[in-house]
Amino acid sequence: MATFSNAVADLMRSVYEALAATFLAVIHFFESGLTFAADTVRHTVALVGGIGKFVAGNFVILAIIAAVYLYFVSNPQQKNKIQSSGQKTTSSVQSNANRGATKSKRA
C-alpha cells in the first residue's frame, strides 16, 4: 500500500509541477512580448531622435546661412564694402603689374 500512496503522491507532485511550468511559460510569453514591444519603441525613438538631431542641425546651419544672406542683401553698405574691398585688391594687383612693366621699359 505504501508504494501505491507514494505513486499517487508523485503523480500529484508531477501534476503540480506541470501546471506550474505551464503557468510560468504563459507568463514568460507575455513578459517577452511586452519586453519586445518596449525595446522596439525605445530603439525607434532613439533612431528618430538621432535623425531629428541631424535634420535640426542642418536646419540651423541653413537658417544661419539664410540670415547672413538676408543681412548682406538688405544692407547695401555692407555690400558696397565687400565690393570696394574686392576692387582695391584687383586694382592694387593691376597697379603692381603696371609698375613692373614700367620698370622693365626703363631698363
PDB file of N, CA and C in Angstrom:
ATOM      1  N   MET A   1       0.803  -1.177   0.000  1.00  0.00           N
ATOM      2  CA  MET A   1       0.000   0.000   0.000  1.00  0.00           C
ATOM      3  C   MET A   1       0.857   1.256   0.000  1.00  0.00           C
ATOM      4  N   ALA A   2       2.009   1.159   0.634  1.00  0.00           N
ATOM      5  CA  ALA A   2       2.896   2.316   0.706  1.00  0.00           C
ATOM      6  C   ALA A   2       3.377   2.703  -0.685  1.00  0.00           C
ATOM      7  N   THR A   3       3.585   1.717  -1.529  1.00  0.00           N
ATOM      8  CA  THR A   3       4.030   2.010  -2.881  1.00  0.00           C
ATOM      9  C   THR A   3       2.943   2.733  -3.655  1.00  0.00           C
ATOM     10  N   PHE A   4       1.692   2.311  -3.447  1.00  0.00           N
ATOM     11  CA  PHE A   4       0.590   2.964  -4.144  1.00  0.00           C
ATOM     12  C   PHE A   4       0.440   4.419  -3.685  1.00  0.00           C
ATOM     13  N   SER A   5       0.545   4.668  -2.408  1.00  0.00           N
ATOM     14  CA  SER A   5       0.416   6.041  -1.900  1.00  0.00           C
ATOM     15  C   SER A   5       1.594   6.899  -2.349  1.00  0.00           C
ATOM     16  N   ASN A   6       2.770   6.303  -2.441  1.00  0.00           N
ATOM     17  CA  ASN A   6       3.931   7.052  -2.965  1.00  0.00           C
ATOM     18  C   ASN A   6       3.732   7.389  -4.446  1.00  0.00           C
ATOM     19  N   ALA A   7       3.129   6.467  -5.174  1.00  0.00           N
ATOM     20  CA  ALA A   7       2.873   6.708  -6.598  1.00  0.00           C
ATOM     21  C   ALA A   7       1.855   7.818  -6.774  1.00  0.00           C
ATOM     22  N   VAL A   8       0.805   7.826  -5.963  1.00  0.00           N
ATOM     23  CA  VAL A   8      -0.206   8.884  -6.042  1.00  0.00           C
ATOM     24  C   VAL A   8       0.414  10.225  -5.644  1.00  0.00           C
ATOM     25  N   ALA A   9       1.227  10.237  -4.627  1.00  0.00           N
ATOM     26  CA  ALA A   9       1.890  11.474  -4.186  1.00  0.00           C
ATOM     27  C   ALA A   9       2.808  11.995  -5.292  1.00  0.00           C
ATOM     28  N   ASP A  10       3.542  11.106  -5.922  1.00  0.00           N
ATOM     29  CA  ASP A  10       4.412  11.525  -7.036  1.00  0.00           C
ATOM     30  C   ASP A  10       3.588  12.046  -8.211  1.00  0.00           C
ATOM     31  N   LEU A  11       2.441  11.400  -8.476  1.00  0.00           N
ATOM     32  CA  LEU A  11       1.564  11.861  -9.554  1.00  0.00           C
ATOM     33  C   LEU A  11       1.047  13.269  -9.262  1.00  0.00           C
ATOM     34  N   MET A  12       0.612  13.497  -8.033  1.00  0.00           N
ATOM     35  CA  MET A  12       0.116  14.824  -7.666  1.00  0.00           C
ATOM     36  C   MET A  12       1.236  15.867  -7.761  1.00  0.00           C
ATOM     37  N   ARG A  13       2.421  15.498  -7.324  1.00  0.00           N
ATOM     38  CA  ARG A  13       3.564  16.398  -7.417  1.00  0.00           C
ATOM     39  C   ARG A  13       3.879  16.706  -8.886  1.00  0.00           C
ATOM     40  N   SER A  14       3.787  15.720  -9.731  1.00  0.00           N
ATOM     41  CA  SER A  14       4.051  15.906 -11.160  1.00  0.00           C
ATOM     42  C   SER A  14       2.989  16.789 -11.800  1.00  0.00           C
ATOM     43  N   VAL A  15       1.723  16.601 -11.415  1.00  0.00           N
ATOM     44  CA  VAL A  15       0.647  17.443 -11.945  1.00  0.00           C
ATOM     45  C   VAL A  15       0.881  18.888 -11.516  1.00  0.00           C
ATOM     46  N   TYR A  16       1.248  19.086 -10.246  1.00  0.00           N
ATOM     47  CA  TYR A  16       1.535  20.435  -9.751  1.00  0.00           C
ATOM     48  C   TYR A  16       2.680  21.065 -10.548  1.00  0.00           C
ATOM     49  N   GLU A  17       3.745  20.304 -10.739  1.00  0.00           N
ATOM     50  CA  GLU A  17       4.895  20.837 -11.479  1.00  0.00           C
ATOM     51  C   GLU A  17       4.531  21.131 -12.931  1.00  0.00           C
ATOM     52  N   ALA A  18       3.693  20.305 -13.538  1.00  0.00           N
ATOM     53  CA  ALA A  18       3.269  20.533 -14.924  1.00  0.00           C
ATOM     54  C   ALA A  18       2.418  21.799 -15.025  1.00  0.00           C
ATOM     55  N   LEU A  19       1.482  21.978 -14.095  1.00  0.00           N
ATOM     56  CA  LEU A  19       0.654  23.188 -14.098  1.00  0.00           C
ATOM     57  C   LEU A  19       1.494  24.438 -13.822  1.00  0.00           C
ATOM     58  N   ALA A  20       2.428  24.339 -12.882  1.00  0.00           N
ATOM     59  CA  ALA A  20       3.285  25.478 -12.559  1.00  0.00           C
ATOM     60  C   ALA A  20       4.163  25.842 -13.757  1.00  0.00           C
ATOM     61  N   ALA A  21       4.707  24.845 -14.424  1.00  0.00           N
ATOM     62  CA  ALA A  21       5.553  25.109 -15.594  1.00  0.00           C
ATOM     63  C   ALA A  21       4.736  25.731 -16.721  1.00  0.00           C
ATOM     64  N   THR A  22       3.511  25.238 -16.932  1.00  0.00           N
ATOM     65  CA  THR A  22       2.641  25.807 -17.968  1.00  0.00           C
ATOM     66  C   THR A  22       2.281  27.245 -17.637  1.00  0.00           C
ATOM     67  N   PHE A  23       1.920  27.504 -16.387  1.00  0.00           N
ATOM     68  CA  PHE A  23       1.570  28.857 -15.958  1.00  0.00           C
ATOM     69  C   PHE A  23       2.763  29.801 -16.132  1.00  0.00           C
ATOM     70  N   LEU A  24       3.944  29.373 -15.720  1.00  0.00           N
ATOM     71  CA  LEU A  24       5.139  30.212 -15.872  1.00  0.00           C
ATOM     72  C   LEU A  24       5.495  30.427 -17.345  1.00  0.00           C
ATOM     73  N   ALA A  25       5.245  29.422 -18.181  1.00  0.00           N
ATOM     74  CA  ALA A  25       5.508  29.580 -19.615  1.00  0.00           C
ATOM     75  C   ALA A  25       4.586  30.632 -20.224  1.00  0.00           C
ATOM     76  N   VAL A  26       3.315  30.620 -19.814  1.00  0.00           N
ATOM     77  CA  VAL A  26       2.366  31.622 -20.318  1.00  0.00           C
ATOM     78  C   VAL A  26       2.771  33.015 -19.844  1.00  0.00           C
ATOM     79  N   ILE A  27       3.117  33.140 -18.568  1.00  0.00           N
ATOM     80  CA  ILE A  27       3.559  34.443 -18.037  1.00  0.00           C
ATOM     81  C   ILE A  27       4.816  34.914 -18.759  1.00  0.00           C
ATOM     82  N   HIS A  28       5.772  34.011 -18.961  1.00  0.00           N
ATOM     83  CA  HIS A  28       7.011  34.375 -19.650  1.00  0.00           C
ATOM     84  C   HIS A  28       6.736  34.802 -21.093  1.00  0.00           C
ATOM     85  N   PHE A  29       5.780  34.149 -21.753  1.00  0.00           N
ATOM     86  CA  PHE A  29       5.423  34.518 -23.122  1.00  0.00           C
ATOM     87  C   PHE A  29       4.935  35.967 -23.173  1.00  0.00           C
ATOM     88  N   PHE A  30       4.026  36.330 -22.280  1.00  0.00           N
ATOM     89  CA  PHE A  30       3.513  37.705 -22.270  1.00  0.00           C
ATOM     90  C   PHE A  30       4.588  38.704 -21.848  1.00  0.00           C
ATOM     91  N   GLU A  31       5.423  38.311 -20.901  1.00  0.00           N
ATOM     92  CA  GLU A  31       6.513  39.190 -20.475  1.00  0.00           C
ATOM     93  C   GLU A  31       7.491  39.435 -21.626  1.00  0.00           C
ATOM     94  N   SER A  32       7.802  38.400 -22.376  1.00  0.00           N
ATOM     95  CA  SER A  32       8.703  38.552 -23.528  1.00  0.00           C
ATOM     96  C   SER A  32       8.085  39.446 -24.591  1.00  0.00           C
ATOM     97  N   GLY A  33       6.787  39.302 -24.820  1.00  0.00           N
ATOM     98  CA  GLY A  33       6.104  40.161 -25.791  1.00  0.00           C
ATOM     99  C   GLY A  33       6.144  41.619 -25.381  1.00  0.00           C
ATOM    100  N   LEU A  34       5.894  41.887 -24.106  1.00  0.00           N
ATOM    101  CA  LEU A  34       5.941  43.269 -23.620  1.00  0.00           C
ATOM    102  C   LEU A  34       7.361  43.831 -23.668  1.00  0.00           C
ATOM    103  N   THR A  35       8.346  43.018 -23.332  1.00  0.00           N
ATOM    104  CA  THR A  35       9.739  43.460 -23.404  1.00  0.00           C
ATOM    105  C   THR A  35      10.128  43.774 -24.842  1.00  0.00           C
ATOM    106  N   PHE A  36       9.713  42.919 -25.767  1.00  0.00           N
ATOM    107  CA  PHE A  36       9.999  43.161 -27.184  1.00  0.00           C
ATOM    108  C   PHE A  36       9.365  44.469 -27.653  1.00  0.00           C
ATOM    109  N   ALA A  37       8.109  44.694 -27.287  1.00  0.00           N
ATOM    110  CA  ALA A  37       7.423  45.928 -27.693  1.00  0.00           C
ATOM    111  C   ALA A  37       8.105  47.152 -27.085  1.00  0.00           C
ATOM    112  N   ALA A  38       8.465  47.066 -25.813  1.00  0.00           N
ATOM    113  CA  ALA A  38       9.122  48.202 -25.153  1.00  0.00           C
ATOM    114  C   ALA A  38      10.480  48.490 -25.782  1.00  0.00           C
ATOM    115  N   ASP A  39      11.267  47.453 -26.058  1.00  0.00           N
ATOM    116  CA  ASP A  39      12.574  47.654 -26.691  1.00  0.00           C
ATOM    117  C   ASP A  39      12.428  48.219 -28.099  1.00  0.00           C
ATOM    118  N   THR A  40      11.435  47.735 -28.832  1.00  0.00           N
ATOM    119  CA  THR A  40      11.205  48.250 -30.183  1.00  0.00           C
ATOM    120  C   THR A  40      10.866  49.731 -30.144  1.00  0.00           C
ATOM    121  N   VAL A  41       9.985  50.112 -29.242  1.00  0.00           N
ATOM    122  CA  VAL A  41       9.614  51.529 -29.120  1.00  0.00           C
ATOM    123  C   VAL A  41      10.815  52.357 -28.678  1.00  0.00           C
ATOM    124  N   ARG A  42      11.574  51.871 -27.705  1.00  0.00           N
ATOM    125  CA  ARG A  42      12.725  52.613 -27.188  1.00  0.00           C
ATOM    126  C   ARG A  42      13.763  52.846 -28.287  1.00  0.00           C
ATOM    127  N   HIS A  43      14.077  51.813 -29.051  1.00  0.00           N
ATOM    128  CA  HIS A  43      15.082  51.956 -30.102  1.00  0.00           C
ATOM    129  C   HIS A  43      14.556  52.778 -31.277  1.00  0.00           C
ATOM    130  N   THR A  44      13.277  52.691 -31.548  1.00  0.00           N
ATOM    131  CA  THR A  44      12.692  53.521 -32.606  1.00  0.00           C
ATOM    132  C   THR A  44      12.768  54.992 -32.231  1.00  0.00           C
ATOM    133  N   VAL A  45      12.462  55.297 -30.986  1.00  0.00           N
ATOM    134  CA  VAL A  45      12.551  56.687 -30.517  1.00  0.00           C
ATOM    135  C   VAL A  45      13.999  57.171 -30.579  1.00  0.00           C
ATOM    136  N   ALA A  46      14.942  56.326 -30.204  1.00  0.00           N
ATOM    137  CA  ALA A  46      16.351  56.711 -30.268  1.00  0.00           C
ATOM    138  C   ALA A  46      16.780  56.966 -31.707  1.00  0.00           C
ATOM    139  N   LEU A  47      16.332  56.128 -32.633  1.00  0.00           N
ATOM    140  CA  LEU A  47      16.675  56.303 -34.044  1.00  0.00           C
ATOM    141  C   LEU A  47      16.069  57.580 -34.593  1.00  0.00           C
ATOM    142  N   VAL A  48      14.794  57.795 -34.309  1.00  0.00           N
ATOM    143  CA  VAL A  48      14.124  59.004 -34.796  1.00  0.00           C
ATOM    144  C   VAL A  48      14.744  60.237 -34.158  1.00  0.00           C
ATOM    145  N   GLY A  49      15.128  60.135 -32.892  1.00  0.00           N
ATOM    146  CA  GLY A  49      15.788  61.257 -32.226  1.00  0.00           C
ATOM    147  C   GLY A  49      17.110  61.599 -32.884  1.00  0.00           C
ATOM    148  N   GLY A  50      17.879  60.578 -33.260  1.00  0.00           N
ATOM    149  CA  GLY A  50      19.142  60.828 -33.947  1.00  0.00           C
ATOM    150  C   GLY A  50      18.930  61.471 -35.300  1.00  0.00           C
ATOM    151  N   ILE A  51      17.939  60.988 -36.031  1.00  0.00           N
ATOM    152  CA  ILE A  51      17.619  61.586 -37.331  1.00  0.00           C
ATOM    153  C   ILE A  51      17.101  63.001 -37.128  1.00  0.00           C
ATOM    154  N   GLY A  52      16.302  63.195 -36.080  1.00  0.00           N
ATOM    155  CA  GLY A  52      15.776  64.527 -35.779  1.00  0.00           C
ATOM    156  C   GLY A  52      16.880  65.513 -35.455  1.00  0.00           C
ATOM    157  N   LYS A  53      17.883  65.067 -34.701  1.00  0.00           N
ATOM    158  CA  LYS A  53      19.020  65.943 -34.386  1.00  0.00           C
ATOM    159  C   LYS A  53      19.773  66.303 -35.657  1.00  0.00           C
ATOM    160  N   PHE A  54      19.950  65.336 -36.547  1.00  0.00           N
ATOM    161  CA  PHE A  54      20.650  65.596 -37.800  1.00  0.00           C
ATOM    162  C   PHE A  54      19.896  66.622 -38.635  1.00  0.00           C
ATOM    163  N   VAL A  55      18.581  66.436 -38.765  1.00  0.00           N
ATOM    164  CA  VAL A  55      17.762  67.364 -39.552  1.00  0.00           C
ATOM    165  C   VAL A  55      17.743  68.737 -38.894  1.00  0.00           C
ATOM    166  N   ALA A  56      17.612  68.771 -37.575  1.00  0.00           N
ATOM    167  CA  ALA A  56      17.598  70.052 -36.868  1.00  0.00           C
ATOM    168  C   ALA A  56      18.935  70.771 -37.027  1.00  0.00           C
ATOM    169  N   GLY A  57      20.030  70.028 -36.982  1.00  0.00           N
ATOM    170  CA  GLY A  57      21.343  70.640 -37.185  1.00  0.00           C
ATOM    171  C   GLY A  57      21.469  71.242 -38.571  1.00  0.00           C
ATOM    172  N   ASN A  58      21.015  70.515 -39.573  1.00  0.00           N
ATOM    173  CA  ASN A  58      21.046  71.055 -40.936  1.00  0.00           C
ATOM    174  C   ASN A  58      20.142  72.267 -41.066  1.00  0.00           C
ATOM    175  N   PHE A  59      18.988  72.240 -40.405  1.00  0.00           N
ATOM    176  CA  PHE A  59      18.071  73.378 -40.446  1.00  0.00           C
ATOM    177  C   PHE A  59      18.717  74.603 -39.819  1.00  0.00           C
ATOM    178  N   VAL A  60      19.420  74.425 -38.712  1.00  0.00           N
ATOM    179  CA  VAL A  60      20.086  75.555 -38.053  1.00  0.00           C
ATOM    180  C   VAL A  60      21.169  76.127 -38.956  1.00  0.00           C
ATOM    181  N   ILE A  61      21.943  75.273 -39.585  1.00  0.00           N
ATOM    182  CA  ILE A  61      23.000  75.753 -40.484  1.00  0.00           C
ATOM    183  C   ILE A  61      22.395  76.518 -41.651  1.00  0.00           C
ATOM    184  N   LEU A  62      21.340  75.981 -42.251  1.00  0.00           N
ATOM    185  CA  LEU A  62      20.683  76.679 -43.363  1.00  0.00           C
ATOM    186  C   LEU A  62      20.057  77.989 -42.904  1.00  0.00           C
ATOM    187  N   ALA A  63      19.517  78.031 -41.694  1.00  0.00           N
ATOM    188  CA  ALA A  63      18.931  79.267 -41.169  1.00  0.00           C
ATOM    189  C   ALA A  63      20.004  80.326 -40.963  1.00  0.00           C
ATOM    190  N   ILE A  64      21.178  79.928 -40.485  1.00  0.00           N
ATOM    191  CA  ILE A  64      22.277  80.884 -40.302  1.00  0.00           C
ATOM    192  C   ILE A  64      22.735  81.418 -41.648  1.00  0.00           C
ATOM    193  N   ILE A  65      22.881  80.533 -42.621  1.00  0.00           N
ATOM    194  CA  ILE A  65      23.297  80.976 -43.959  1.00  0.00           C
ATOM    195  C   ILE A  65      22.257  81.925 -44.547  1.00  0.00           C
ATOM    196  N   ALA A  66      20.980  81.611 -44.382  1.00  0.00           N
ATOM    197  CA  ALA A  66      19.918  82.478 -44.904  1.00  0.00           C
ATOM    198  C   ALA A  66      19.915  83.824 -44.192  1.00  0.00           C
ATOM    199  N   ALA A  67      20.147  83.833 -42.883  1.00  0.00           N
ATOM    200  CA  ALA A  67      20.172  85.090 -42.132  1.00  0.00           C
ATOM    201  C   ALA A  67      21.336  85.966 -42.582  1.00  0.00           C
ATOM    202  N   VAL A  68      22.504  85.365 -42.781  1.00  0.00           N
ATOM    203  CA  VAL A  68      23.662  86.137 -43.256  1.00  0.00           C
ATOM    204  C   VAL A  68      23.393  86.669 -44.657  1.00  0.00           C
ATOM    205  N   TYR A  69      22.808  85.865 -45.510  1.00  0.00           N
ATOM    206  CA  TYR A  69      22.477  86.301 -46.868  1.00  0.00           C
ATOM    207  C   TYR A  69      21.500  87.473 -46.831  1.00  0.00           C
ATOM    208  N   LEU A  70      20.448  87.342 -46.034  1.00  0.00           N
ATOM    209  CA  LEU A  70      19.469  88.425 -45.944  1.00  0.00           C
ATOM    210  C   LEU A  70      20.086  89.684 -45.347  1.00  0.00           C
ATOM    211  N   TYR A  71      21.003  89.531 -44.410  1.00  0.00           N
ATOM    212  CA  TYR A  71      21.670  90.686 -43.816  1.00  0.00           C
ATOM    213  C   TYR A  71      22.470  91.436 -44.878  1.00  0.00           C
ATOM    214  N   PHE A  72      23.220  90.730 -45.671  1.00  0.00           N
ATOM    215  CA  PHE A  72      24.040  91.397 -46.682  1.00  0.00           C
ATOM    216  C   PHE A  72      23.202  91.921 -47.841  1.00  0.00           C
ATOM    217  N   VAL A  73      22.105  91.274 -48.143  1.00  0.00           N
ATOM    218  CA  VAL A  73      21.238  91.765 -49.215  1.00  0.00           C
ATOM    219  C   VAL A  73      20.483  93.010 -48.762  1.00  0.00           C
ATOM    220  N   SER A  74      20.054  93.037 -47.499  1.00  0.00           N
ATOM    221  CA  SER A  74      19.265  94.172 -47.013  1.00  0.00           C
ATOM    222  C   SER A  74      20.125  95.369 -46.638  1.00  0.00           C
ATOM    223  N   ASN A  75      21.417  95.208 -46.439  1.00  0.00           N
ATOM    224  CA  ASN A  75      22.316  96.311 -46.087  1.00  0.00           C
ATOM    225  C   ASN A  75      23.241  96.601 -47.262  1.00  0.00           C
ATOM    226  N   PRO A  76      22.888  97.568 -48.098  1.00  0.00           N
ATOM    227  CA  PRO A  76      23.744  97.853 -49.249  1.00  0.00           C
ATOM    228  C   PRO A  76      25.111  98.391 -48.842  1.00  0.00           C
ATOM    229  N   GLN A  77      25.225  98.984 -47.653  1.00  0.00           N
ATOM    230  CA  GLN A  77      26.536  99.474 -47.214  1.00  0.00           C
ATOM    231  C   GLN A  77      27.511  98.313 -47.066  1.00  0.00           C
ATOM    232  N   GLN A  78      27.049  97.224 -46.482  1.00  0.00           N
ATOM    233  CA  GLN A  78      27.908  96.052 -46.353  1.00  0.00           C
ATOM    234  C   GLN A  78      28.271  95.498 -47.725  1.00  0.00           C
ATOM    235  N   LYS A  79      27.296  95.526 -48.614  1.00  0.00           N
ATOM    236  CA  LYS A  79      27.538  95.028 -49.967  1.00  0.00           C
ATOM    237  C   LYS A  79      28.586  95.891 -50.660  1.00  0.00           C
ATOM    238  N   ASN A  80      28.484  97.218 -50.501  1.00  0.00           N
ATOM    239  CA  ASN A  80      29.457  98.119 -51.120  1.00  0.00           C
ATOM    240  C   ASN A  80      30.838  97.943 -50.515  1.00  0.00           C
ATOM    241  N   LYS A  81      30.917  97.715 -49.191  1.00  0.00           N
ATOM    242  CA  LYS A  81      32.221  97.497 -48.558  1.00  0.00           C
ATOM    243  C   LYS A  81      32.899  96.262 -49.145  1.00  0.00           C
ATOM    244  N   ILE A  82      32.114  95.225 -49.328  1.00  0.00           N
ATOM    245  CA  ILE A  82      32.683  93.991 -49.878  1.00  0.00           C
ATOM    246  C   ILE A  82      33.128  94.209 -51.317  1.00  0.00           C
ATOM    247  N   GLN A  83      32.308  94.894 -52.100  1.00  0.00           N
ATOM    248  CA  GLN A  83      32.669  95.127 -53.498  1.00  0.00           C
ATOM    249  C   GLN A  83      33.870  96.055 -53.597  1.00  0.00           C
ATOM    250  N   SER A  84      33.908  97.105 -52.763  1.00  0.00           N
ATOM    251  CA  SER A  84      35.032  98.042 -52.844  1.00  0.00           C
ATOM    252  C   SER A  84      36.320  97.385 -52.379  1.00  0.00           C
ATOM    253  N   SER A  85      36.246  96.528 -51.383  1.00  0.00           N
ATOM    254  CA  SER A  85      37.466  95.848 -50.953  1.00  0.00           C
ATOM    255  C   SER A  85      37.952  94.909 -52.051  1.00  0.00           C
ATOM    256  N   GLY A  86      37.043  94.322 -52.775  1.00  0.00           N
ATOM    257  CA  GLY A  86      37.434  93.464 -53.894  1.00  0.00           C
ATOM    258  C   GLY A  86      38.059  94.266 -55.009  1.00  0.00           C
ATOM    259  N   GLN A  87      37.552  95.483 -55.252  1.00  0.00           N
ATOM    260  CA  GLN A  87      38.118  96.329 -56.305  1.00  0.00           C
ATOM    261  C   GLN A  87      39.501  96.815 -55.911  1.00  0.00           C
ATOM    262  N   LYS A  88      39.693  97.144 -54.629  1.00  0.00           N
ATOM    263  CA  LYS A  88      41.016  97.586 -54.184  1.00  0.00           C
ATOM    264  C   LYS A  88      42.040  96.484 -54.414  1.00  0.00           C
ATOM    265  N   THR A  89      41.650  95.298 -54.109  1.00  0.00           N
ATOM    266  CA  THR A  89      42.569  94.182 -54.295  1.00  0.00           C
ATOM    267  C   THR A  89      42.893  94.012 -55.772  1.00  0.00           C
ATOM    268  N   THR A  90      41.883  94.115 -56.608  1.00  0.00           N
ATOM    269  CA  THR A  90      42.096  93.958 -58.039  1.00  0.00           C
ATOM    270  C   THR A  90      42.924  95.109 -58.587  1.00  0.00           C
ATOM    271  N   SER A  91      42.599  96.351 -58.170  1.00  0.00           N
ATOM    272  CA  SER A  91      43.337  97.496 -58.695  1.00  0.00           C
ATOM    273  C   SER A  91      44.767  97.500 -58.182  1.00  0.00           C
ATOM    274  N   SER A  92      44.991  97.064 -56.942  1.00  0.00           N
ATOM    275  CA  SER A  92      46.362  97.033 -56.436  1.00  0.00           C
ATOM    276  C   SER A  92      47.181  95.991 -57.184  1.00  0.00           C
ATOM    277  N   VAL A  93      46.573  94.900 -57.550  1.00  0.00           N
ATOM    278  CA  VAL A  93      47.288  93.887 -58.329  1.00  0.00           C
ATOM    279  C   VAL A  93      47.614  94.441 -59.712  1.00  0.00           C
ATOM    280  N   GLN A  94      46.646  95.151 -60.314  1.00  0.00           N
ATOM    281  CA  GLN A  94      46.887  95.726 -61.637  1.00  0.00           C
ATOM    282  C   GLN A  94      47.954  96.809 -61.570  1.00  0.00           C
ATOM    283  N   SER A  95      47.925  97.658 -60.529  1.00  0.00           N
ATOM    284  CA  SER A  95      48.927  98.715 -60.437  1.00  0.00           C
ATOM    285  C   SER A  95      50.310  98.128 -60.199  1.00  0.00           C
ATOM    286  N   ASN A  96      50.402  97.045 -59.420  1.00  0.00           N
ATOM    287  CA  ASN A  96      51.693  96.390 -59.228  1.00  0.00           C
ATOM    288  C   ASN A  96      52.194  95.801 -60.542  1.00  0.00           C
ATOM    289  N   ALA A  97      51.305  95.282 -61.338  1.00  0.00           N
ATOM    290  CA  ALA A  97      51.704  94.740 -62.635  1.00  0.00           C
ATOM    291  C   ALA A  97      52.175  95.863 -63.548  1.00  0.00           C
ATOM    292  N   ASN A  98      51.486  97.006 -63.505  1.00  0.00           N
ATOM    293  CA  ASN A  98      51.895  98.148 -64.328  1.00  0.00           C
ATOM    294  C   ASN A  98      53.246  98.683 -63.883  1.00  0.00           C
ATOM    295  N   ARG A  99      53.517  98.715 -62.590  1.00  0.00           N
ATOM    296  CA  ARG A  99      54.812  99.187 -62.094  1.00  0.00           C
ATOM    297  C   ARG A  99      55.936  98.295 -62.608  1.00  0.00           C
ATOM    298  N   GLY A 100      55.689  97.004 -62.607  1.00  0.00           N
ATOM    299  CA  GLY A 100      56.714  96.089 -63.098  1.00  0.00           C
ATOM    300  C   GLY A 100      56.969  96.300 -64.576  1.00  0.00           C
ATOM    301  N   ALA A 101      55.926  96.588 -65.332  1.00  0.00           N
ATOM    302  CA  ALA A 101      56.082  96.825 -66.768  1.00  0.00           C
ATOM    303  C   ALA A 101      56.825  98.126 -67.007  1.00  0.00           C
ATOM    304  N   THR A 102      56.566  99.138 -66.174  1.00  0.00           N
ATOM    305  CA  THR A 102      57.241 100.426 -66.339  1.00  0.00           C
ATOM    306  C   THR A 102      58.723 100.282 -66.026  1.00  0.00           C
ATOM    307  N   LYS A 103      59.064  99.549 -65.001  1.00  0.00           N
ATOM    308  CA  LYS A 103      60.465  99.360 -64.639  1.00  0.00           C
ATOM    309  C   LYS A 103      61.212  98.624 -65.749  1.00  0.00           C
ATOM    310  N   SER A 104      60.567  97.658 -66.361  1.00  0.00           N
ATOM    311  CA  SER A 104      61.251  96.913 -67.406  1.00  0.00           C
ATOM    312  C   SER A 104      61.447  97.773 -68.647  1.00  0.00           C
ATOM    313  N   LYS A 105      60.562  98.751 -68.903  1.00  0.00           N
ATOM    314  CA  LYS A 105      60.735  99.637 -70.055  1.00  0.00           C
ATOM    315  C   LYS A 105      61.899 100.583 -69.829  1.00  0.00           C
ATOM    316  N   ARG A 106      62.097 101.025 -68.586  1.00  0.00           N
ATOM    317  CA  ARG A 106      63.186 101.952 -68.273  1.00  0.00           C
ATOM    318  C   ARG A 106      64.543 101.280 -68.432  1.00  0.00           C
ATOM    319  N   ALA A 107      64.631 100.060 -68.164  1.00  0.00           N
ATOM    320  CA  ALA A 107      65.923  99.390 -68.182  1.00  0.00           C
ATOM    321  C   ALA A 107      66.364  99.158 -69.573  1.00  0.00           C
TER     322      ALA A 107
END
